[in-house]
N, C-alpha and C. Protein backbone atom coordinates (compact mmCIF):
# COMPACT_ATOMS: atom_id res chain seq x y z
N UNK A 1 56.09 -61.93 -1.09
CA UNK A 1 55.54 -60.79 -1.88
C UNK A 1 56.70 -59.76 -2.23
N UNK A 2 56.16 -59.12 -3.26
CA UNK A 2 56.81 -58.84 -4.01
C UNK A 2 56.22 -57.41 -4.39
N UNK A 3 56.29 -55.88 -5.01
CA UNK A 3 56.45 -55.02 -4.94
C UNK A 3 56.52 -54.59 -5.85
N UNK A 4 56.63 -55.01 -7.42
CA UNK A 4 57.75 -53.70 -8.19
C UNK A 4 56.97 -52.44 -8.84
N UNK A 5 58.24 -51.96 -8.08
CA UNK A 5 58.68 -50.43 -8.70
C UNK A 5 58.23 -49.35 -9.73
N UNK A 6 58.90 -50.73 -11.08
CA UNK A 6 59.64 -50.06 -12.56
C UNK A 6 58.29 -49.53 -13.07
N UNK A 7 58.80 -48.89 -13.32
CA UNK A 7 57.35 -47.73 -14.04
C UNK A 7 58.13 -46.81 -15.51
N UNK A 8 59.18 -47.53 -16.74
CA UNK A 8 59.49 -47.62 -16.98
C UNK A 8 60.70 -46.75 -17.29
N UNK A 9 60.55 -45.44 -18.15
CA UNK A 9 61.29 -44.53 -17.96
C UNK A 9 61.21 -43.74 -16.81
N UNK A 10 61.98 -43.68 -15.52
CA UNK A 10 62.01 -43.02 -14.33
C UNK A 10 62.64 -42.40 -13.50
N UNK A 11 62.39 -41.82 -13.20
CA UNK A 11 63.80 -40.47 -12.75
C UNK A 11 62.95 -40.77 -10.57
N UNK A 12 64.47 -41.15 -9.68
CA UNK A 12 63.61 -41.64 -8.84
C UNK A 12 63.66 -40.10 -7.87
N UNK A 13 63.19 -39.09 -7.32
CA UNK A 13 63.37 -37.79 -6.13
C UNK A 13 62.47 -37.94 -5.38
N UNK A 14 63.60 -37.63 -4.32
CA UNK A 14 62.67 -37.22 -2.71
C UNK A 14 61.00 -37.94 -2.80
N UNK A 15 61.61 -39.98 -2.75
CA UNK A 15 61.39 -41.37 -2.63
C UNK A 15 60.41 -40.98 -3.71
N UNK A 16 59.67 -40.32 -4.76
CA UNK A 16 58.82 -40.27 -6.06
C UNK A 16 59.56 -40.51 -7.39
N UNK A 17 58.31 -41.29 -8.25
CA UNK A 17 59.60 -42.02 -8.93
C UNK A 17 58.31 -40.33 -10.44
N UNK A 18 58.93 -40.95 -11.79
CA UNK A 18 58.90 -39.10 -12.55
C UNK A 18 59.32 -39.59 -13.52
N UNK A 19 58.02 -39.35 -14.20
CA UNK A 19 58.38 -39.94 -15.23
C UNK A 19 59.59 -38.94 -15.91
N UNK A 20 60.40 -39.48 -16.83
CA UNK A 20 61.65 -38.36 -17.15
C UNK A 20 61.81 -38.76 -18.76
N UNK A 21 61.11 -38.03 -20.33
CA UNK A 21 61.50 -37.78 -20.63
C UNK A 21 63.15 -37.00 -21.73
N UNK A 22 63.64 -36.60 -19.80
CA UNK A 22 64.30 -36.16 -20.47
C UNK A 22 65.95 -36.88 -20.43
N UNK A 23 65.63 -38.57 -19.81
CA UNK A 23 66.45 -39.61 -20.00
C UNK A 23 66.93 -39.80 -21.12
N UNK A 24 67.74 -40.39 -21.33
CA UNK A 24 67.54 -41.53 -23.00
C UNK A 24 67.57 -42.72 -22.04
N UNK A 25 68.74 -43.25 -21.41
CA UNK A 25 68.39 -44.04 -20.99
C UNK A 25 66.74 -45.04 -19.78
N UNK A 26 66.77 -46.18 -19.85
CA UNK A 26 65.46 -46.34 -19.50
C UNK A 26 65.82 -47.25 -17.74
N UNK A 27 65.75 -46.97 -17.43
CA UNK A 27 66.38 -46.55 -15.11
C UNK A 27 65.98 -48.29 -15.43
N UNK A 28 66.37 -48.82 -14.24
CA UNK A 28 66.69 -49.98 -13.12
C UNK A 28 65.19 -50.00 -12.80
N UNK A 29 65.11 -51.54 -13.05
CA UNK A 29 63.41 -51.94 -12.39
C UNK A 29 63.82 -52.55 -10.55
N UNK A 30 62.83 -51.01 -9.93
CA UNK A 30 63.26 -51.59 -8.21
C UNK A 30 61.89 -52.73 -8.33
N UNK A 31 62.93 -53.86 -7.31
CA UNK A 31 61.71 -54.92 -7.05
C UNK A 31 62.15 -55.44 -5.30
N UNK A 32 60.72 -55.48 -4.55
CA UNK A 32 60.95 -54.79 -3.45
C UNK A 32 60.04 -56.72 -2.58
N UNK A 33 60.93 -57.43 -1.67
CA UNK A 33 60.62 -58.63 -1.69
C UNK A 33 60.27 -58.52 0.15
N UNK A 34 59.43 -59.38 0.39
CA UNK A 34 59.61 -59.69 1.70
C UNK A 34 60.18 -60.85 2.27
N UNK A 35 61.18 -61.84 1.59
CA UNK A 35 61.71 -62.71 1.81
C UNK A 35 63.24 -62.40 1.22
N UNK A 36 63.93 -63.58 1.51
CA UNK A 36 65.21 -63.59 1.31
C UNK A 36 65.62 -64.77 0.25
N UNK A 37 64.46 -65.35 0.12
CA UNK A 37 64.07 -67.05 -0.20
C UNK A 37 64.15 -66.12 -1.74
N UNK A 38 64.29 -65.11 -2.71
CA UNK A 38 64.63 -65.41 -4.67
C UNK A 38 66.11 -65.23 -4.76
N UNK A 39 66.55 -65.42 -6.07
CA UNK A 39 67.72 -65.99 -6.70
C UNK A 39 68.67 -64.19 -7.05
N UNK A 40 67.57 -63.65 -6.64
CA UNK A 40 68.30 -61.89 -6.04
C UNK A 40 69.51 -60.73 -5.12
N UNK A 41 68.14 -61.40 -4.02
CA UNK A 41 69.31 -61.95 -2.36
C UNK A 41 70.27 -62.87 -2.55
N UNK A 42 69.64 -63.84 -3.59
CA UNK A 42 70.88 -64.91 -3.60
C UNK A 42 72.35 -64.17 -4.21
N UNK A 43 71.70 -63.19 -5.13
CA UNK A 43 72.89 -62.96 -6.10
C UNK A 43 73.43 -61.61 -5.63
N UNK A 44 72.74 -60.88 -3.90
CA UNK A 44 73.54 -59.38 -4.05
C UNK A 44 74.13 -59.70 -2.78
N UNK A 45 74.31 -60.69 -2.32
CA UNK A 45 74.98 -62.15 -1.23
C UNK A 45 76.49 -61.91 -1.83
N UNK A 46 76.17 -63.05 -2.99
CA UNK A 46 77.49 -63.28 -3.28
C UNK A 46 77.85 -62.73 -3.75
N UNK A 47 78.01 -61.42 -5.16
CA UNK A 47 78.76 -60.79 -5.88
C UNK A 47 79.30 -59.91 -4.14
N UNK A 48 78.94 -59.11 -3.20
CA UNK A 48 79.24 -58.97 -2.46
C UNK A 48 80.46 -59.75 -1.32
N UNK A 49 80.02 -60.50 -1.74
CA UNK A 49 80.89 -61.87 -0.59
C UNK A 49 82.11 -61.29 -1.99
N UNK A 50 82.16 -61.64 -2.84
CA UNK A 50 82.95 -61.57 -3.33
C UNK A 50 84.02 -60.05 -3.68
N UNK A 51 83.24 -59.20 -3.25
CA UNK A 51 83.60 -57.99 -3.31
C UNK A 51 84.59 -57.63 -1.55
N UNK A 52 84.30 -58.62 -1.10
CA UNK A 52 84.78 -58.93 0.35
C UNK A 52 86.18 -59.07 0.47
N UNK A 53 85.79 -60.82 0.22
CA UNK A 53 86.94 -60.99 -0.65
C UNK A 53 88.17 -60.86 -1.25
N UNK A 54 88.30 -59.38 -2.79
CA UNK A 54 88.70 -59.43 -3.23
C UNK A 54 89.68 -58.59 -1.94
N UNK A 55 88.70 -58.11 -1.11
CA UNK A 55 89.04 -56.54 -0.98
C UNK A 55 90.26 -57.08 0.70
N UNK A 56 89.45 -58.04 1.53
CA UNK A 56 90.63 -57.86 2.35
C UNK A 56 90.64 -59.55 2.73
N UNK A 57 90.41 -60.26 1.69
CA UNK A 57 90.80 -62.37 2.81
C UNK A 57 89.80 -62.36 2.48
N UNK A 58 89.93 -64.23 2.47
CA UNK A 58 88.96 -64.77 2.37
C UNK A 58 88.06 -64.92 4.06
N UNK A 59 87.14 -64.35 4.11
CA UNK A 59 86.78 -64.73 5.85
C UNK A 59 86.50 -66.13 6.36
N UNK A 60 86.85 -66.57 5.87
CA UNK A 60 87.71 -68.14 7.01
C UNK A 60 86.14 -68.82 8.37
N UNK A 61 85.55 -68.16 7.47
CA UNK A 61 84.55 -68.16 8.54
C UNK A 61 84.88 -70.21 8.77
N UNK A 62 84.35 -70.18 9.76
CA UNK A 62 84.24 -71.59 10.65
C UNK A 62 83.25 -71.39 11.68
N UNK A 63 81.77 -72.29 11.78
CA UNK A 63 81.09 -72.68 12.96
C UNK A 63 81.52 -73.16 14.67
N UNK A 64 80.88 -72.10 15.81
CA UNK A 64 81.60 -72.78 16.49
C UNK A 64 80.11 -72.87 18.08
N UNK A 65 79.78 -74.31 18.36
CA UNK A 65 78.97 -74.56 19.84
C UNK A 65 79.47 -75.70 20.29
N UNK A 66 78.78 -74.72 21.49
CA UNK A 66 79.67 -75.43 22.81
C UNK A 66 78.61 -75.79 23.38
N UNK A 67 77.87 -76.93 23.49
CA UNK A 67 76.68 -76.52 24.72
C UNK A 67 76.90 -78.18 26.04
N UNK A 68 76.57 -76.99 26.76
CA UNK A 68 75.84 -78.02 27.82
C UNK A 68 75.26 -78.44 28.58
N UNK A 69 75.11 -79.71 29.01
CA UNK A 69 74.14 -81.17 29.36
C UNK A 69 74.09 -82.15 30.34
N UNK A 70 72.65 -81.93 31.06
CA UNK A 70 72.94 -83.20 32.82
C UNK A 70 72.35 -83.80 30.97
N UNK A 71 72.85 -85.42 31.24
CA UNK A 71 72.26 -86.17 30.07
C UNK A 71 71.61 -86.01 29.07
N UNK A 72 70.53 -86.20 28.51
CA UNK A 72 69.86 -85.74 27.35
C UNK A 72 69.93 -83.82 27.63
N UNK A 73 68.85 -83.38 28.63
CA UNK A 73 68.96 -82.00 28.73
C UNK A 73 70.01 -81.17 28.92
N UNK A 74 69.47 -80.45 27.67
CA UNK A 74 70.61 -79.02 26.82
C UNK A 74 70.02 -77.39 28.41
N UNK A 75 71.16 -77.55 29.11
CA UNK A 75 71.39 -76.84 30.44
C UNK A 75 71.37 -75.41 29.49
N UNK A 76 72.30 -75.51 29.00
CA UNK A 76 72.94 -73.97 28.11
C UNK A 76 73.87 -74.40 26.81
N UNK A 77 74.06 -73.09 26.55
CA UNK A 77 74.99 -73.58 25.01
C UNK A 77 75.06 -72.10 25.13
N UNK A 78 76.30 -71.84 23.89
CA UNK A 78 77.16 -70.86 23.20
C UNK A 78 77.38 -71.58 22.26
N UNK A 79 76.73 -70.82 20.92
CA UNK A 79 77.19 -71.00 19.24
C UNK A 79 78.23 -69.40 18.76
N UNK A 80 78.41 -70.02 17.76
CA UNK A 80 79.29 -68.40 17.56
C UNK A 80 80.35 -68.93 16.73
N UNK A 81 80.84 -67.65 15.81
CA UNK A 81 81.98 -68.18 14.26
C UNK A 81 83.08 -67.25 14.81
N UNK A 82 83.90 -68.30 13.56
CA UNK A 82 85.63 -67.62 14.21
C UNK A 82 85.80 -67.18 12.66
N UNK A 83 85.94 -65.71 12.53
CA UNK A 83 86.11 -64.80 10.22
C UNK A 83 87.15 -64.32 11.17
N UNK A 84 88.37 -64.12 10.33
CA UNK A 84 88.27 -62.68 10.10
C UNK A 84 89.75 -63.03 11.59
N UNK A 85 89.97 -63.40 12.25
CA UNK A 85 91.06 -63.70 12.78
C UNK A 85 89.66 -63.32 14.56
N UNK A 86 89.00 -63.41 14.60
CA UNK A 86 87.39 -62.69 15.54
C UNK A 86 86.66 -64.40 15.93
N UNK A 87 85.93 -64.21 17.27
CA UNK A 87 84.80 -65.00 17.23
C UNK A 87 84.40 -63.84 17.67
N UNK A 88 82.60 -64.59 17.04
CA UNK A 88 81.70 -63.66 17.59
C UNK A 88 81.07 -64.05 18.22
N UNK A 89 80.18 -63.84 18.90
CA UNK A 89 79.28 -64.90 19.88
C UNK A 89 77.83 -64.46 19.65
N UNK A 90 77.61 -64.94 18.88
CA UNK A 90 75.45 -65.38 18.62
C UNK A 90 74.27 -65.58 19.33
N UNK A 91 74.93 -66.26 20.21
CA UNK A 91 73.95 -67.12 21.57
C UNK A 91 74.93 -67.50 22.66
N UNK A 92 74.71 -66.55 23.66
CA UNK A 92 74.83 -67.32 25.31
C UNK A 92 73.46 -67.34 25.48
N UNK A 93 73.35 -68.58 25.71
CA UNK A 93 71.73 -69.53 26.83
C UNK A 93 72.24 -70.41 27.49
N UNK A 94 71.42 -69.37 29.36
CA UNK A 94 71.68 -70.81 30.30
C UNK A 94 70.05 -71.32 30.37
N UNK A 95 69.89 -72.02 31.27
CA UNK A 95 68.01 -72.77 31.70
C UNK A 95 68.57 -71.48 32.65
N UNK A 96 66.84 -71.75 33.25
CA UNK A 96 66.89 -70.57 33.96
C UNK A 96 66.95 -71.24 35.09
N UNK A 97 66.95 -72.51 35.50
CA UNK A 97 67.47 -72.88 36.88
C UNK A 97 68.89 -72.87 37.08
N UNK A 98 69.82 -72.47 36.16
CA UNK A 98 71.48 -73.11 35.28
C UNK A 98 72.10 -71.22 36.36
N UNK A 99 71.31 -70.53 36.22
CA UNK A 99 71.75 -69.29 35.88
C UNK A 99 72.27 -69.01 37.30
N UNK A 100 73.26 -68.02 37.19
CA UNK A 100 74.13 -67.45 38.64
C UNK A 100 74.65 -68.15 38.88
N UNK A 101 75.09 -70.29 38.60
CA UNK A 101 75.96 -70.60 39.28
C UNK A 101 77.20 -70.85 38.30
N UNK A 102 77.49 -69.89 37.59
CA UNK A 102 78.49 -70.44 36.69
C UNK A 102 78.95 -71.16 35.29
N UNK A 103 77.72 -71.49 34.99
CA UNK A 103 78.02 -72.34 34.18
C UNK A 103 78.25 -71.41 32.43
N UNK A 104 77.19 -70.17 32.71
CA UNK A 104 77.54 -69.23 31.45
C UNK A 104 79.38 -68.88 31.38
N UNK A 105 79.63 -68.54 32.61
CA UNK A 105 80.99 -68.23 32.77
C UNK A 105 82.26 -68.95 32.00
N UNK A 106 82.11 -70.54 32.02
CA UNK A 106 82.37 -71.97 31.48
C UNK A 106 82.28 -72.24 30.78
N UNK A 107 81.04 -71.53 29.58
CA UNK A 107 80.72 -71.65 28.59
C UNK A 107 81.37 -69.94 27.68
N UNK A 108 81.61 -69.51 28.77
CA UNK A 108 81.95 -68.47 27.70
C UNK A 108 83.80 -68.23 28.25
N UNK A 109 84.48 -69.05 29.07
CA UNK A 109 85.53 -69.62 28.91
C UNK A 109 86.46 -70.41 27.99
N UNK A 110 85.44 -71.68 27.58
CA UNK A 110 85.92 -72.97 26.52
C UNK A 110 85.89 -71.47 25.47
N UNK A 111 84.41 -70.58 25.03
CA UNK A 111 84.41 -70.24 23.57
C UNK A 111 86.12 -69.83 23.78
N UNK A 112 86.70 -68.93 24.88
CA UNK A 112 87.50 -68.18 25.02
C UNK A 112 89.03 -68.92 24.14
N UNK A 113 88.65 -70.50 24.49
CA UNK A 113 89.52 -71.23 24.71
C UNK A 113 89.56 -71.42 22.86
N UNK A 114 88.36 -71.94 22.51
CA UNK A 114 88.93 -72.37 21.34
C UNK A 114 88.94 -71.25 20.53
N UNK A 115 88.52 -70.11 20.36
CA UNK A 115 89.09 -68.41 19.96
C UNK A 115 90.39 -68.36 19.69
N UNK A 116 91.27 -68.68 20.63
CA UNK A 116 92.72 -69.16 21.15
C UNK A 116 93.03 -70.00 19.98
N UNK A 117 92.74 -71.18 20.33
CA UNK A 117 93.28 -72.67 19.50
C UNK A 117 93.08 -72.18 18.29
N UNK A 118 91.57 -71.45 17.65
CA UNK A 118 91.74 -70.65 16.59
C UNK A 118 92.40 -69.31 15.66
N UNK A 119 93.94 -68.99 16.54
CA UNK A 119 94.11 -67.73 16.34
C UNK A 119 93.41 -66.22 16.20
N UNK A 120 92.61 -66.43 16.68
CA UNK A 120 91.40 -65.41 17.15
C UNK A 120 92.61 -64.51 18.40
N UNK A 121 92.27 -63.03 17.45
CA UNK A 121 92.37 -61.77 18.74
C UNK A 121 91.57 -61.16 19.06
N UNK A 122 90.43 -61.96 19.17
CA UNK A 122 89.68 -60.84 19.59
C UNK A 122 88.42 -61.98 19.90
N UNK A 123 87.41 -61.46 20.29
CA UNK A 123 85.62 -62.26 20.91
C UNK A 123 85.00 -60.48 20.99
N UNK A 124 83.71 -60.62 19.96
CA UNK A 124 82.78 -59.46 20.05
C UNK A 124 81.18 -60.62 20.49
N UNK A 125 80.44 -59.80 20.84
CA UNK A 125 79.76 -60.07 21.42
C UNK A 125 78.76 -58.69 21.30
N UNK A 126 76.94 -59.10 20.63
CA UNK A 126 76.70 -57.29 21.15
C UNK A 126 74.77 -58.24 21.99
N UNK A 127 74.42 -57.64 22.68
CA UNK A 127 72.44 -58.11 23.38
C UNK A 127 72.45 -56.73 23.60
N UNK A 128 70.82 -57.06 23.89
CA UNK A 128 70.40 -55.58 23.76
C UNK A 128 70.09 -55.39 26.01
N UNK A 129 70.06 -56.99 26.56
CA UNK A 129 70.57 -57.24 27.60
C UNK A 129 71.11 -56.10 29.25
N UNK A 130 71.21 -55.57 29.73
CA UNK A 130 72.48 -55.13 31.02
C UNK A 130 72.89 -55.45 32.08
N UNK A 131 71.59 -56.59 31.93
CA UNK A 131 72.46 -58.21 32.76
C UNK A 131 73.86 -58.50 32.02
N UNK A 132 72.67 -59.18 30.49
CA UNK A 132 74.32 -59.47 29.95
C UNK A 132 75.27 -58.98 29.93
N UNK A 133 75.57 -57.07 29.78
CA UNK A 133 76.28 -57.31 29.42
C UNK A 133 77.16 -56.38 30.62
N UNK A 134 77.10 -56.22 32.43
CA UNK A 134 77.47 -56.08 32.90
C UNK A 134 78.27 -57.85 32.94
N UNK A 135 78.03 -59.45 33.09
CA UNK A 135 78.19 -59.84 33.35
C UNK A 135 79.37 -59.97 32.33
N UNK A 136 79.07 -59.55 30.69
CA UNK A 136 80.61 -59.70 29.78
C UNK A 136 81.40 -58.96 30.57
N UNK A 137 81.52 -57.80 30.86
CA UNK A 137 82.40 -56.53 31.79
C UNK A 137 82.50 -57.57 32.33
N UNK A 138 82.18 -58.06 33.13
CA UNK A 138 82.76 -59.15 34.62
C UNK A 138 84.00 -60.06 34.06
N UNK A 139 83.78 -60.75 32.73
CA UNK A 139 84.80 -61.05 32.08
C UNK A 139 85.39 -61.29 31.62
N UNK A 140 85.63 -59.48 31.53
CA UNK A 140 86.77 -58.35 30.75
C UNK A 140 86.31 -57.83 29.24
N UNK A 141 85.44 -58.04 29.15
CA UNK A 141 84.70 -57.62 28.40
C UNK A 141 84.90 -55.95 27.90
N UNK A 142 85.11 -55.36 26.93
CA UNK A 142 84.48 -53.39 27.82
C UNK A 142 83.41 -53.08 26.23
N UNK A 143 82.73 -52.24 26.01
CA UNK A 143 81.73 -52.14 25.23
C UNK A 143 82.08 -50.78 24.34
N UNK A 144 82.02 -51.26 22.98
CA UNK A 144 82.51 -50.16 21.96
C UNK A 144 81.44 -49.12 21.36
N UNK A 145 80.17 -50.34 21.92
CA UNK A 145 79.36 -49.46 20.93
C UNK A 145 78.37 -49.71 21.26
N UNK A 146 76.43 -48.55 21.37
CA UNK A 146 75.76 -48.37 21.81
C UNK A 146 74.60 -48.36 20.36
N UNK A 147 73.37 -47.92 20.56
CA UNK A 147 72.94 -48.12 20.04
C UNK A 147 71.65 -48.24 20.81
N UNK A 148 70.86 -46.92 21.05
CA UNK A 148 69.77 -45.80 22.05
C UNK A 148 69.02 -46.05 21.27
N UNK A 149 67.60 -47.20 22.32
CA UNK A 149 66.11 -47.30 21.73
C UNK A 149 66.10 -48.18 20.67
N UNK A 150 67.27 -49.33 20.86
CA UNK A 150 66.82 -50.68 20.00
C UNK A 150 67.13 -51.61 21.01
N UNK A 151 66.39 -52.76 21.33
CA UNK A 151 65.20 -52.15 20.83
C UNK A 151 63.91 -51.12 21.21
N UNK A 152 62.58 -51.08 20.84
CA UNK A 152 62.44 -49.53 21.72
C UNK A 152 62.16 -49.35 23.29
N UNK A 153 62.95 -48.57 23.72
CA UNK A 153 63.56 -48.44 25.76
C UNK A 153 64.01 -48.74 26.36
N UNK A 154 65.20 -49.69 24.67
CA UNK A 154 66.40 -50.82 25.29
C UNK A 154 68.18 -50.05 24.43
N UNK A 155 68.72 -50.66 25.05
CA UNK A 155 69.86 -50.78 24.06
C UNK A 155 70.38 -52.03 23.68
N UNK A 156 70.62 -51.98 22.42
CA UNK A 156 71.67 -53.02 22.29
C UNK A 156 73.02 -52.61 22.02
N UNK A 157 74.34 -53.28 22.73
CA UNK A 157 75.14 -53.22 23.21
C UNK A 157 76.33 -53.65 22.61
N UNK A 158 77.62 -53.21 22.42
CA UNK A 158 78.59 -53.87 22.43
C UNK A 158 79.55 -54.72 22.08
N UNK A 159 80.19 -55.13 22.88
CA UNK A 159 81.64 -55.32 23.89
C UNK A 159 82.37 -56.28 22.95
N UNK A 160 83.63 -56.66 23.72
CA UNK A 160 84.83 -57.18 22.68
C UNK A 160 85.65 -57.40 24.14
N UNK A 161 86.31 -58.34 24.00
CA UNK A 161 87.27 -58.58 24.41
C UNK A 161 89.28 -59.01 23.47
N UNK A 162 89.97 -58.12 23.74
CA UNK A 162 91.07 -59.08 23.05
C UNK A 162 92.27 -60.08 23.74
N UNK A 163 92.05 -60.96 22.97
CA UNK A 163 93.00 -62.12 23.58
C UNK A 163 94.47 -62.16 23.53
N UNK A 164 95.30 -62.22 24.80
CA UNK A 164 96.70 -61.18 24.98
C UNK A 164 97.43 -63.03 23.70
N UNK A 165 98.28 -62.32 23.15
CA UNK A 165 99.09 -63.68 22.10
C UNK A 165 99.71 -64.05 22.68
N UNK A 166 99.27 -65.34 22.49
CA UNK A 166 100.32 -66.81 22.98
C UNK A 166 101.80 -65.64 22.54
């Protein structure tokens, strides 16, 4: 879906477009999409990435995926990436019958080993699950942020663990 919000010479004021003869400059046309699959989204991402790299140095982002298997069956796994000296855990999942048996901790410990090998100073993660937050706390993570009622009636919890220097 494409919602074109351009009306020629306009001024945006408090959520409404107003025609303005006092402006000699034509304001940019605003276009809204419900997909990221268009040239504008790619240009915004590339432009911001270039500015961030210029200001903070290259991200040096590398993917990290750790999978636990029994034969061909995936029992659990951890997907992460490392960038700017930190490891971000995107997903940590263990099949229901294998939970509370130490597999998640083994996956987390391997992620920590890999993060150290990549010269990371810490690991961070976010979760909506209080039980998962408790698991990370037992593994040495500390909470550094929380968004209440996101998702509704729950919280998004941000945790980090600093890795000791080798």
